[in-house]
PDB file of N, CA and C in Angstrom:
ATOM      1  N   MET A   1     -32.381  90.135 174.474  1.00  0.00           N
ATOM      2  CA  MET A   1     -33.739  90.544 174.782  1.00  0.00           C
ATOM      3  C   MET A   1     -34.596  89.299 174.991  1.00  0.00           C
ATOM      4  N   PRO A   2     -35.465  89.329 175.997  1.00  0.00           N
ATOM      5  CA  PRO A   2     -36.310  88.157 176.246  1.00  0.00           C
ATOM      6  C   PRO A   2     -37.360  87.981 175.164  1.00  0.00           C
ATOM      7  N   LEU A   3     -37.825  86.758 175.032  1.00  0.00           N
ATOM      8  CA  LEU A   3     -38.890  86.470 174.077  1.00  0.00           C
ATOM      9  C   LEU A   3     -40.212  86.998 174.631  1.00  0.00           C
ATOM     10  N   LEU A   4     -41.060  87.467 173.739  1.00  0.00           N
ATOM     11  CA  LEU A   4     -42.349  88.043 174.120  1.00  0.00           C
ATOM     12  C   LEU A   4     -43.473  87.071 173.805  1.00  0.00           C
ATOM     13  N   ASN A   5     -44.531  87.105 174.621  1.00  0.00           N
ATOM     14  CA  ASN A   5     -45.725  86.348 174.263  1.00  0.00           C
ATOM     15  C   ASN A   5     -46.560  87.207 173.301  1.00  0.00           C
ATOM     16  N   ARG A   6     -47.657  86.662 172.794  1.00  0.00           N
ATOM     17  CA  ARG A   6     -48.448  87.362 171.787  1.00  0.00           C
ATOM     18  C   ARG A   6     -48.982  88.697 172.321  1.00  0.00           C
ATOM     19  N   GLU A   7     -49.458  88.693 173.544  1.00  0.00           N
ATOM     20  CA  GLU A   7     -50.008  89.921 174.135  1.00  0.00           C
ATOM     21  C   GLU A   7     -48.941  91.007 174.258  1.00  0.00           C
ATOM     22  N   ALA A   8     -47.753  90.623 174.707  1.00  0.00           N
ATOM     23  CA  ALA A   8     -46.671  91.599 174.854  1.00  0.00           C
ATOM     24  C   ALA A   8     -46.211  92.125 173.495  1.00  0.00           C
ATOM     25  N   LEU A   9     -46.162  91.244 172.494  1.00  0.00           N
ATOM     26  CA  LEU A   9     -45.781  91.683 171.151  1.00  0.00           C
ATOM     27  C   LEU A   9     -46.822  92.661 170.601  1.00  0.00           C
ATOM     28  N   ALA A  10     -48.090  92.349 170.807  1.00  0.00           N
ATOM     29  CA  ALA A  10     -49.153  93.247 170.343  1.00  0.00           C
ATOM     30  C   ALA A  10     -49.005  94.622 171.001  1.00  0.00           C
ATOM     31  N   ARG A  11     -48.675  94.646 172.281  1.00  0.00           N
ATOM     32  CA  ARG A  11     -48.457  95.936 172.956  1.00  0.00           C
ATOM     33  C   ARG A  11     -47.265  96.665 172.354  1.00  0.00           C
ATOM     34  N   GLU A  12     -46.177  95.940 172.097  1.00  0.00           N
ATOM     35  CA  GLU A  12     -44.980  96.551 171.511  1.00  0.00           C
ATOM     36  C   GLU A  12     -45.273  97.160 170.139  1.00  0.00           C
ATOM     37  N   LEU A  13     -46.122  96.471 169.364  1.00  0.00           N
ATOM     38  CA  LEU A  13     -46.438  96.929 168.010  1.00  0.00           C
ATOM     39  C   LEU A  13     -47.689  97.801 167.969  1.00  0.00           C
ATOM     40  N   ASP A  14     -48.324  97.970 169.118  1.00  0.00           N
ATOM     41  CA  ASP A  14     -49.529  98.786 169.213  1.00  0.00           C
ATOM     42  C   ASP A  14     -50.617  98.277 168.268  1.00  0.00           C
ATOM     43  N   CYS A  15     -50.875  96.980 168.348  1.00  0.00           N
ATOM     44  CA  CYS A  15     -51.936  96.370 167.552  1.00  0.00           C
ATOM     45  C   CYS A  15     -52.631  95.342 168.437  1.00  0.00           C
ATOM     46  N   CYS A  16     -53.554  94.593 167.882  1.00  0.00           N
ATOM     47  CA  CYS A  16     -54.266  93.586 168.665  1.00  0.00           C
ATOM     48  C   CYS A  16     -53.683  92.193 168.420  1.00  0.00           C
ATOM     49  N   GLY A  17     -54.025  91.278 169.316  1.00  0.00           N
ATOM     50  CA  GLY A  17     -53.557  89.900 169.192  1.00  0.00           C
ATOM     51  C   GLY A  17     -54.020  89.237 167.908  1.00  0.00           C
ATOM     52  N   ARG A  18     -55.199  89.606 167.434  1.00  0.00           N
ATOM     53  CA  ARG A  18     -55.725  89.044 166.177  1.00  0.00           C
ATOM     54  C   ARG A  18     -54.818  89.412 165.001  1.00  0.00           C
ATOM     55  N   THR A  19     -54.308  90.645 165.005  1.00  0.00           N
ATOM     56  CA  THR A  19     -53.394  91.062 163.938  1.00  0.00           C
ATOM     57  C   THR A  19     -52.119  90.235 163.997  1.00  0.00           C
ATOM     58  N   ILE A  20     -51.632  89.955 165.193  1.00  0.00           N
ATOM     59  CA  ILE A  20     -50.431  89.120 165.337  1.00  0.00           C
ATOM     60  C   ILE A  20     -50.714  87.733 164.773  1.00  0.00           C
ATOM     61  N   GLN A  21     -51.868  87.164 165.093  1.00  0.00           N
ATOM     62  CA  GLN A  21     -52.215  85.842 164.562  1.00  0.00           C
ATOM     63  C   GLN A  21     -52.267  85.856 163.040  1.00  0.00           C
ATOM     64  N   ASN A  22     -52.819  86.893 162.456  1.00  0.00           N
ATOM     65  CA  ASN A  22     -52.879  86.975 160.998  1.00  0.00           C
ATOM     66  C   ASN A  22     -51.489  87.153 160.397  1.00  0.00           C
ATOM     67  N   LEU A  23     -50.633  87.890 161.064  1.00  0.00           N
ATOM     68  CA  LEU A  23     -49.255  88.023 160.582  1.00  0.00           C
ATOM     69  C   LEU A  23     -48.517  86.687 160.680  1.00  0.00           C
ATOM     70  N   GLU A  24     -48.849  85.886 161.681  1.00  0.00           N
ATOM     71  CA  GLU A  24     -48.260  84.540 161.789  1.00  0.00           C
ATOM     72  C   GLU A  24     -48.580  83.727 160.540  1.00  0.00           C
ATOM     73  N   LYS A  25     -49.797  83.854 160.046  1.00  0.00           N
ATOM     74  CA  LYS A  25     -50.206  83.127 158.838  1.00  0.00           C
ATOM     75  C   LYS A  25     -49.403  83.583 157.624  1.00  0.00           C
ATOM     76  N   ARG A  26     -48.906  84.809 157.664  1.00  0.00           N
ATOM     77  CA  ARG A  26     -48.101  85.357 156.573  1.00  0.00           C
ATOM     78  C   ARG A  26     -46.623  85.018 156.729  1.00  0.00           C
ATOM     79  N   GLY A  27     -46.254  84.402 157.883  1.00  0.00           N
ATOM     80  CA  GLY A  27     -44.868  84.002 158.063  1.00  0.00           C
ATOM     81  C   GLY A  27     -44.125  84.706 159.175  1.00  0.00           C
ATOM     82  N   LEU A  28     -44.816  85.439 160.038  1.00  0.00           N
ATOM     83  CA  LEU A  28     -44.168  86.092 161.179  1.00  0.00           C
ATOM     84  C   LEU A  28     -43.326  85.078 161.937  1.00  0.00           C
ATOM     85  N   PRO A  29     -42.062  85.390 162.225  1.00  0.00           N
ATOM     86  CA  PRO A  29     -41.207  84.410 162.901  1.00  0.00           C
ATOM     87  C   PRO A  29     -41.679  84.127 164.328  1.00  0.00           C
ATOM     88  N   ILE A  30     -41.790  82.845 164.632  1.00  0.00           N
ATOM     89  CA  ILE A  30     -42.259  82.379 165.940  1.00  0.00           C
ATOM     90  C   ILE A  30     -41.207  81.449 166.527  1.00  0.00           C
ATOM     91  N   VAL A  31     -41.012  81.561 167.818  1.00  0.00           N
ATOM     92  CA  VAL A  31     -40.190  80.606 168.564  1.00  0.00           C
ATOM     93  C   VAL A  31     -41.163  79.859 169.471  1.00  0.00           C
ATOM     94  N   ARG A  32     -41.230  78.545 169.328  1.00  0.00           N
ATOM     95  CA  ARG A  32     -42.142  77.758 170.160  1.00  0.00           C
ATOM     96  C   ARG A  32     -41.453  77.407 171.471  1.00  0.00           C
ATOM     97  N   VAL A  33     -42.141  77.691 172.565  1.00  0.00           N
ATOM     98  CA  VAL A  33     -41.701  77.278 173.900  1.00  0.00           C
ATOM     99  C   VAL A  33     -42.811  76.360 174.398  1.00  0.00           C
ATOM    100  N   GLY A  34     -42.583  75.067 174.249  1.00  0.00           N
ATOM    101  CA  GLY A  34     -43.659  74.111 174.474  1.00  0.00           C
ATOM    102  C   GLY A  34     -44.705  74.329 173.399  1.00  0.00           C
ATOM    103  N   ASP A  35     -45.938  74.528 173.817  1.00  0.00           N
ATOM    104  CA  ASP A  35     -47.023  74.808 172.867  1.00  0.00           C
ATOM    105  C   ASP A  35     -47.258  76.301 172.664  1.00  0.00           C
ATOM    106  N   SER A  36     -46.507  77.117 173.386  1.00  0.00           N
ATOM    107  CA  SER A  36     -46.749  78.565 173.366  1.00  0.00           C
ATOM    108  C   SER A  36     -45.876  79.284 172.346  1.00  0.00           C
ATOM    109  N   PRO A  37     -46.490  80.145 171.539  1.00  0.00           N
ATOM    110  CA  PRO A  37     -45.692  80.945 170.612  1.00  0.00           C
ATOM    111  C   PRO A  37     -45.005  82.079 171.363  1.00  0.00           C
ATOM    112  N   ARG A  38     -43.747  82.319 171.019  1.00  0.00           N
ATOM    113  CA  ARG A  38     -42.989  83.441 171.570  1.00  0.00           C
ATOM    114  C   ARG A  38     -42.331  84.159 170.398  1.00  0.00           C
ATOM    115  N   TYR A  39     -41.958  85.408 170.623  1.00  0.00           N
ATOM    116  CA  TYR A  39     -41.470  86.243 169.539  1.00  0.00           C
ATOM    117  C   TYR A  39     -40.223  86.998 169.965  1.00  0.00           C
ATOM    118  N   ASP A  40     -39.239  87.009 169.083  1.00  0.00           N
ATOM    119  CA  ASP A  40     -38.048  87.830 169.256  1.00  0.00           C
ATOM    120  C   ASP A  40     -38.355  89.160 168.569  1.00  0.00           C
ATOM    121  N   LEU A  41     -38.397  90.240 169.336  1.00  0.00           N
ATOM    122  CA  LEU A  41     -38.824  91.527 168.792  1.00  0.00           C
ATOM    123  C   LEU A  41     -37.950  91.983 167.635  1.00  0.00           C
ATOM    124  N   ALA A  42     -36.649  91.786 167.727  1.00  0.00           N
ATOM    125  CA  ALA A  42     -35.752  92.200 166.642  1.00  0.00           C
ATOM    126  C   ALA A  42     -36.060  91.417 165.359  1.00  0.00           C
ATOM    127  N   ALA A  43     -36.274  90.109 165.495  1.00  0.00           N
ATOM    128  CA  ALA A  43     -36.589  89.278 164.328  1.00  0.00           C
ATOM    129  C   ALA A  43     -37.931  89.686 163.729  1.00  0.00           C
ATOM    130  N   VAL A  44     -38.895  90.014 164.579  1.00  0.00           N
ATOM    131  CA  VAL A  44     -40.206  90.444 164.104  1.00  0.00           C
ATOM    132  C   VAL A  44     -40.084  91.759 163.341  1.00  0.00           C
ATOM    133  N   ARG A  45     -39.328  92.699 163.885  1.00  0.00           N
ATOM    134  CA  ARG A  45     -39.160  93.990 163.200  1.00  0.00           C
ATOM    135  C   ARG A  45     -38.463  93.807 161.851  1.00  0.00           C
ATOM    136  N   ASP A  46     -37.468  92.925 161.793  1.00  0.00           N
ATOM    137  CA  ASP A  46     -36.804  92.639 160.519  1.00  0.00           C
ATOM    138  C   ASP A  46     -37.794  92.051 159.520  1.00  0.00           C
ATOM    139  N   TRP A  47     -38.617  91.114 159.988  1.00  0.00           N
ATOM    140  CA  TRP A  47     -39.599  90.489 159.112  1.00  0.00           C
ATOM    141  C   TRP A  47     -40.621  91.526 158.636  1.00  0.00           C
ATOM    142  N   LEU A  48     -41.087  92.369 159.539  1.00  0.00           N
ATOM    143  CA  LEU A  48     -42.051  93.399 159.170  1.00  0.00           C
ATOM    144  C   LEU A  48     -41.506  94.299 158.072  1.00  0.00           C
ATOM    145  N   ALA A  49     -40.219  94.590 158.129  1.00  0.00           N
ATOM    146  CA  ALA A  49     -39.603  95.461 157.129  1.00  0.00           C
ATOM    147  C   ALA A  49     -39.588  94.821 155.744  1.00  0.00           C
ATOM    148  N   GLY A  50     -39.635  93.488 155.668  1.00  0.00           N
ATOM    149  CA  GLY A  50     -39.539  92.799 154.394  1.00  0.00           C
ATOM    150  C   GLY A  50     -40.853  92.340 153.793  1.00  0.00           C
ATOM    151  N   ASP A  51     -41.942  92.400 154.541  1.00  0.00           N
ATOM    152  CA  ASP A  51     -43.232  91.914 154.061  1.00  0.00           C
ATOM    153  C   ASP A  51     -44.092  93.099 153.613  1.00  0.00           C
ATOM    154  N   PRO A  52     -44.617  93.080 152.377  1.00  0.00           N
ATOM    155  CA  PRO A  52     -45.358  94.243 151.871  1.00  0.00           C
ATOM    156  C   PRO A  52     -46.571  94.620 152.725  1.00  0.00           C
ATOM    157  N   VAL A  53     -47.356  93.648 153.146  1.00  0.00           N
ATOM    158  CA  VAL A  53     -48.522  93.955 153.975  1.00  0.00           C
ATOM    159  C   VAL A  53     -48.068  94.429 155.343  1.00  0.00           C
ATOM    160  N   ALA A  54     -47.017  93.811 155.853  1.00  0.00           N
ATOM    161  CA  ALA A  54     -46.507  94.217 157.161  1.00  0.00           C
ATOM    162  C   ALA A  54     -45.949  95.638 157.119  1.00  0.00           C
ATOM    163  N   ARG A  55     -45.416  96.044 155.974  1.00  0.00           N
ATOM    164  CA  ARG A  55     -44.947  97.436 155.855  1.00  0.00           C
ATOM    165  C   ARG A  55     -46.108  98.412 156.000  1.00  0.00           C
ATOM    166  N   VAL A  56     -47.286  98.006 155.527  1.00  0.00           N
ATOM    167  CA  VAL A  56     -48.474  98.825 155.734  1.00  0.00           C
ATOM    168  C   VAL A  56     -48.739  98.940 157.235  1.00  0.00           C
ATOM    169  N   LEU A  57     -48.594  97.827 157.958  1.00  0.00           N
ATOM    170  CA  LEU A  57     -48.762  97.844 159.410  1.00  0.00           C
ATOM    171  C   LEU A  57     -47.769  98.805 160.046  1.00  0.00           C
ATOM    172  N   GLN A  58     -46.524  98.764 159.613  1.00  0.00           N
ATOM    173  CA  GLN A  58     -45.519  99.664 160.167  1.00  0.00           C
ATOM    174  C   GLN A  58     -45.921 101.118 159.939  1.00  0.00           C
ATOM    175  N   GLY A  59     -46.396 101.433 158.752  1.00  0.00           N
ATOM    176  CA  GLY A  59     -46.847 102.789 158.478  1.00  0.00           C
ATOM    177  C   GLY A  59     -48.021 103.168 159.360  1.00  0.00           C
ATOM    178  N   TYR A  60     -48.893 102.223 159.569  1.00  0.00           N
ATOM    179  CA  TYR A  60     -50.044 102.447 160.437  1.00  0.00           C
ATOM    180  C   TYR A  60     -49.595 102.765 161.850  1.00  0.00           C
ATOM    181  N   LEU A  61     -48.617 102.021 162.341  1.00  0.00           N
ATOM    182  CA  LEU A  61     -48.148 102.226 163.706  1.00  0.00           C
ATOM    183  C   LEU A  61     -47.512 103.600 163.875  1.00  0.00           C
ATOM    184  N   GLU A  62     -47.020 104.162 162.786  1.00  0.00           N
ATOM    185  CA  GLU A  62     -46.392 105.473 162.855  1.00  0.00           C
ATOM    186  C   GLU A  62     -47.402 106.614 162.695  1.00  0.00           C
ATOM    187  N   CYS A  63     -48.649 106.301 162.372  1.00  0.00           N
ATOM    188  CA  CYS A  63     -49.686 107.316 162.195  1.00  0.00           C
ATOM    189  C   CYS A  63     -50.192 107.809 163.541  1.00  0.00           C
ATOM    190  N   ASN A  64     -50.778 109.000 163.518  1.00  0.00           N
ATOM    191  CA  ASN A  64     -51.451 109.458 164.728  1.00  0.00           C
ATOM    192  C   ASN A  64     -52.842 108.832 164.782  1.00  0.00           C
ATOM    193  N   VAL A  65     -53.541 109.049 165.879  1.00  0.00           N
ATOM    194  CA  VAL A  65     -54.826 108.396 166.096  1.00  0.00           C
ATOM    195  C   VAL A  65     -55.832 108.736 165.001  1.00  0.00           C
ATOM    196  N   ALA A  66     -55.900 109.972 164.574  1.00  0.00           N
ATOM    197  CA  ALA A  66     -56.855 110.359 163.531  1.00  0.00           C
ATOM    198  C   ALA A  66     -56.557 109.650 162.218  1.00  0.00           C
ATOM    199  N   GLN A  67     -55.278 109.531 161.860  1.00  0.00           N
ATOM    200  CA  GLN A  67     -54.916 108.863 160.617  1.00  0.00           C
ATOM    201  C   GLN A  67     -55.207 107.370 160.687  1.00  0.00           C
ATOM    202  N   ARG A  68     -55.104 106.789 161.871  1.00  0.00           N
ATOM    203  CA  ARG A  68     -55.333 105.357 162.009  1.00  0.00           C
ATOM    204  C   ARG A  68     -56.749 104.966 161.633  1.00  0.00           C
ATOM    205  N   ALA A  69     -57.718 105.816 161.900  1.00  0.00           N
ATOM    206  CA  ALA A  69     -59.109 105.502 161.571  1.00  0.00           C
ATOM    207  C   ALA A  69     -59.259 105.265 160.074  1.00  0.00           C
ATOM    208  N   GLU A  70     -58.521 106.004 159.271  1.00  0.00           N
ATOM    209  CA  GLU A  70     -58.593 105.839 157.819  1.00  0.00           C
ATOM    210  C   GLU A  70     -57.978 104.524 157.371  1.00  0.00           C
ATOM    211  N   VAL A  71     -56.986 104.065 158.088  1.00  0.00           N
ATOM    212  CA  VAL A  71     -56.260 102.861 157.695  1.00  0.00           C
ATOM    213  C   VAL A  71     -56.929 101.599 158.226  1.00  0.00           C
ATOM    214  N   ARG A  72     -57.712 101.745 159.280  1.00  0.00           N
ATOM    215  CA  ARG A  72     -58.291 100.579 159.955  1.00  0.00           C
ATOM    216  C   ARG A  72     -59.085  99.688 159.002  1.00  0.00           C
ATOM    217  N   ALA A  73     -59.770 100.258 158.042  1.00  0.00           N
ATOM    218  CA  ALA A  73     -60.559  99.472 157.090  1.00  0.00           C
ATOM    219  C   ALA A  73     -59.677  98.504 156.303  1.00  0.00           C
ATOM    220  N   CYS A  74     -58.461  98.909 155.976  1.00  0.00           N
ATOM    221  CA  CYS A  74     -57.534  98.023 155.260  1.00  0.00           C
ATOM    222  C   CYS A  74     -57.233  96.786 156.091  1.00  0.00           C
ATOM    223  N   PHE A  75     -57.033  96.989 157.387  1.00  0.00           N
ATOM    224  CA  PHE A  75     -56.705  95.858 158.243  1.00  0.00           C
ATOM    225  C   PHE A  75     -57.880  94.922 158.424  1.00  0.00           C
ATOM    226  N   GLU A  76     -59.080  95.442 158.367  1.00  0.00           N
ATOM    227  CA  GLU A  76     -60.246  94.570 158.440  1.00  0.00           C
ATOM    228  C   GLU A  76     -60.256  93.614 157.259  1.00  0.00           C
ATOM    229  N   VAL A  77     -59.889  94.090 156.090  1.00  0.00           N
ATOM    230  CA  VAL A  77     -59.809  93.235 154.903  1.00  0.00           C
ATOM    231  C   VAL A  77     -58.697  92.213 155.077  1.00  0.00           C
ATOM    232  N   ILE A  78     -57.527  92.666 155.546  1.00  0.00           N
ATOM    233  CA  ILE A  78     -56.384  91.768 155.743  1.00  0.00           C
ATOM    234  C   ILE A  78     -56.721  90.705 156.775  1.00  0.00           C
ATOM    235  N   ASP A  79     -57.378  91.109 157.878  1.00  0.00           N
ATOM    236  CA  ASP A  79     -57.741  90.151 158.927  1.00  0.00           C
ATOM    237  C   ASP A  79     -58.666  89.065 158.400  1.00  0.00           C
ATOM    238  N   LYS A  80     -59.516  89.417 157.440  1.00  0.00           N
ATOM    239  CA  LYS A  80     -60.456  88.456 156.899  1.00  0.00           C
ATOM    240  C   LYS A  80     -59.846  87.570 155.823  1.00  0.00           C
ATOM    241  N   ASP A  81     -58.795  88.040 155.177  1.00  0.00           N
ATOM    242  CA  ASP A  81     -58.189  87.291 154.084  1.00  0.00           C
ATOM    243  C   ASP A  81     -56.661  87.292 154.196  1.00  0.00           C
ATOM    244  N   PRO A  82     -56.071  86.333 154.899  1.00  0.00           N
ATOM    245  CA  PRO A  82     -54.621  86.304 155.094  1.00  0.00           C
ATOM    246  C   PRO A  82     -53.826  86.032 153.810  1.00  0.00           C
ATOM    247  N   THR A  83     -54.521  85.749 152.694  1.00  0.00           N
ATOM    248  CA  THR A  83     -53.797  85.514 151.449  1.00  0.00           C
ATOM    249  C   THR A  83     -53.401  86.806 150.767  1.00  0.00           C
ATOM    250  N   LEU A  84     -53.925  87.945 151.266  1.00  0.00           N
ATOM    251  CA  LEU A  84     -53.584  89.241 150.658  1.00  0.00           C
ATOM    252  C   LEU A  84     -52.144  89.591 150.923  1.00  0.00           C
TER     253      LEU A  84
END
């Protein structure tokens, strides 16, 4: 599978680029191609399965649109504090 850029990964995970950047701070696996970050989707999914906050993201991605509104507040906190 080809490596994805941040925008493509965000589309695959149905989240925004800012969330990807915050997950990078938590240890999301990155492959550098020059100065550009790239992502192996399989490696990212494996990492998401092992990170407690990322598991919340996975649950969020599986929610319907109405349920996502309830969860969005959690991500606002996570986006502001990557140490959580």
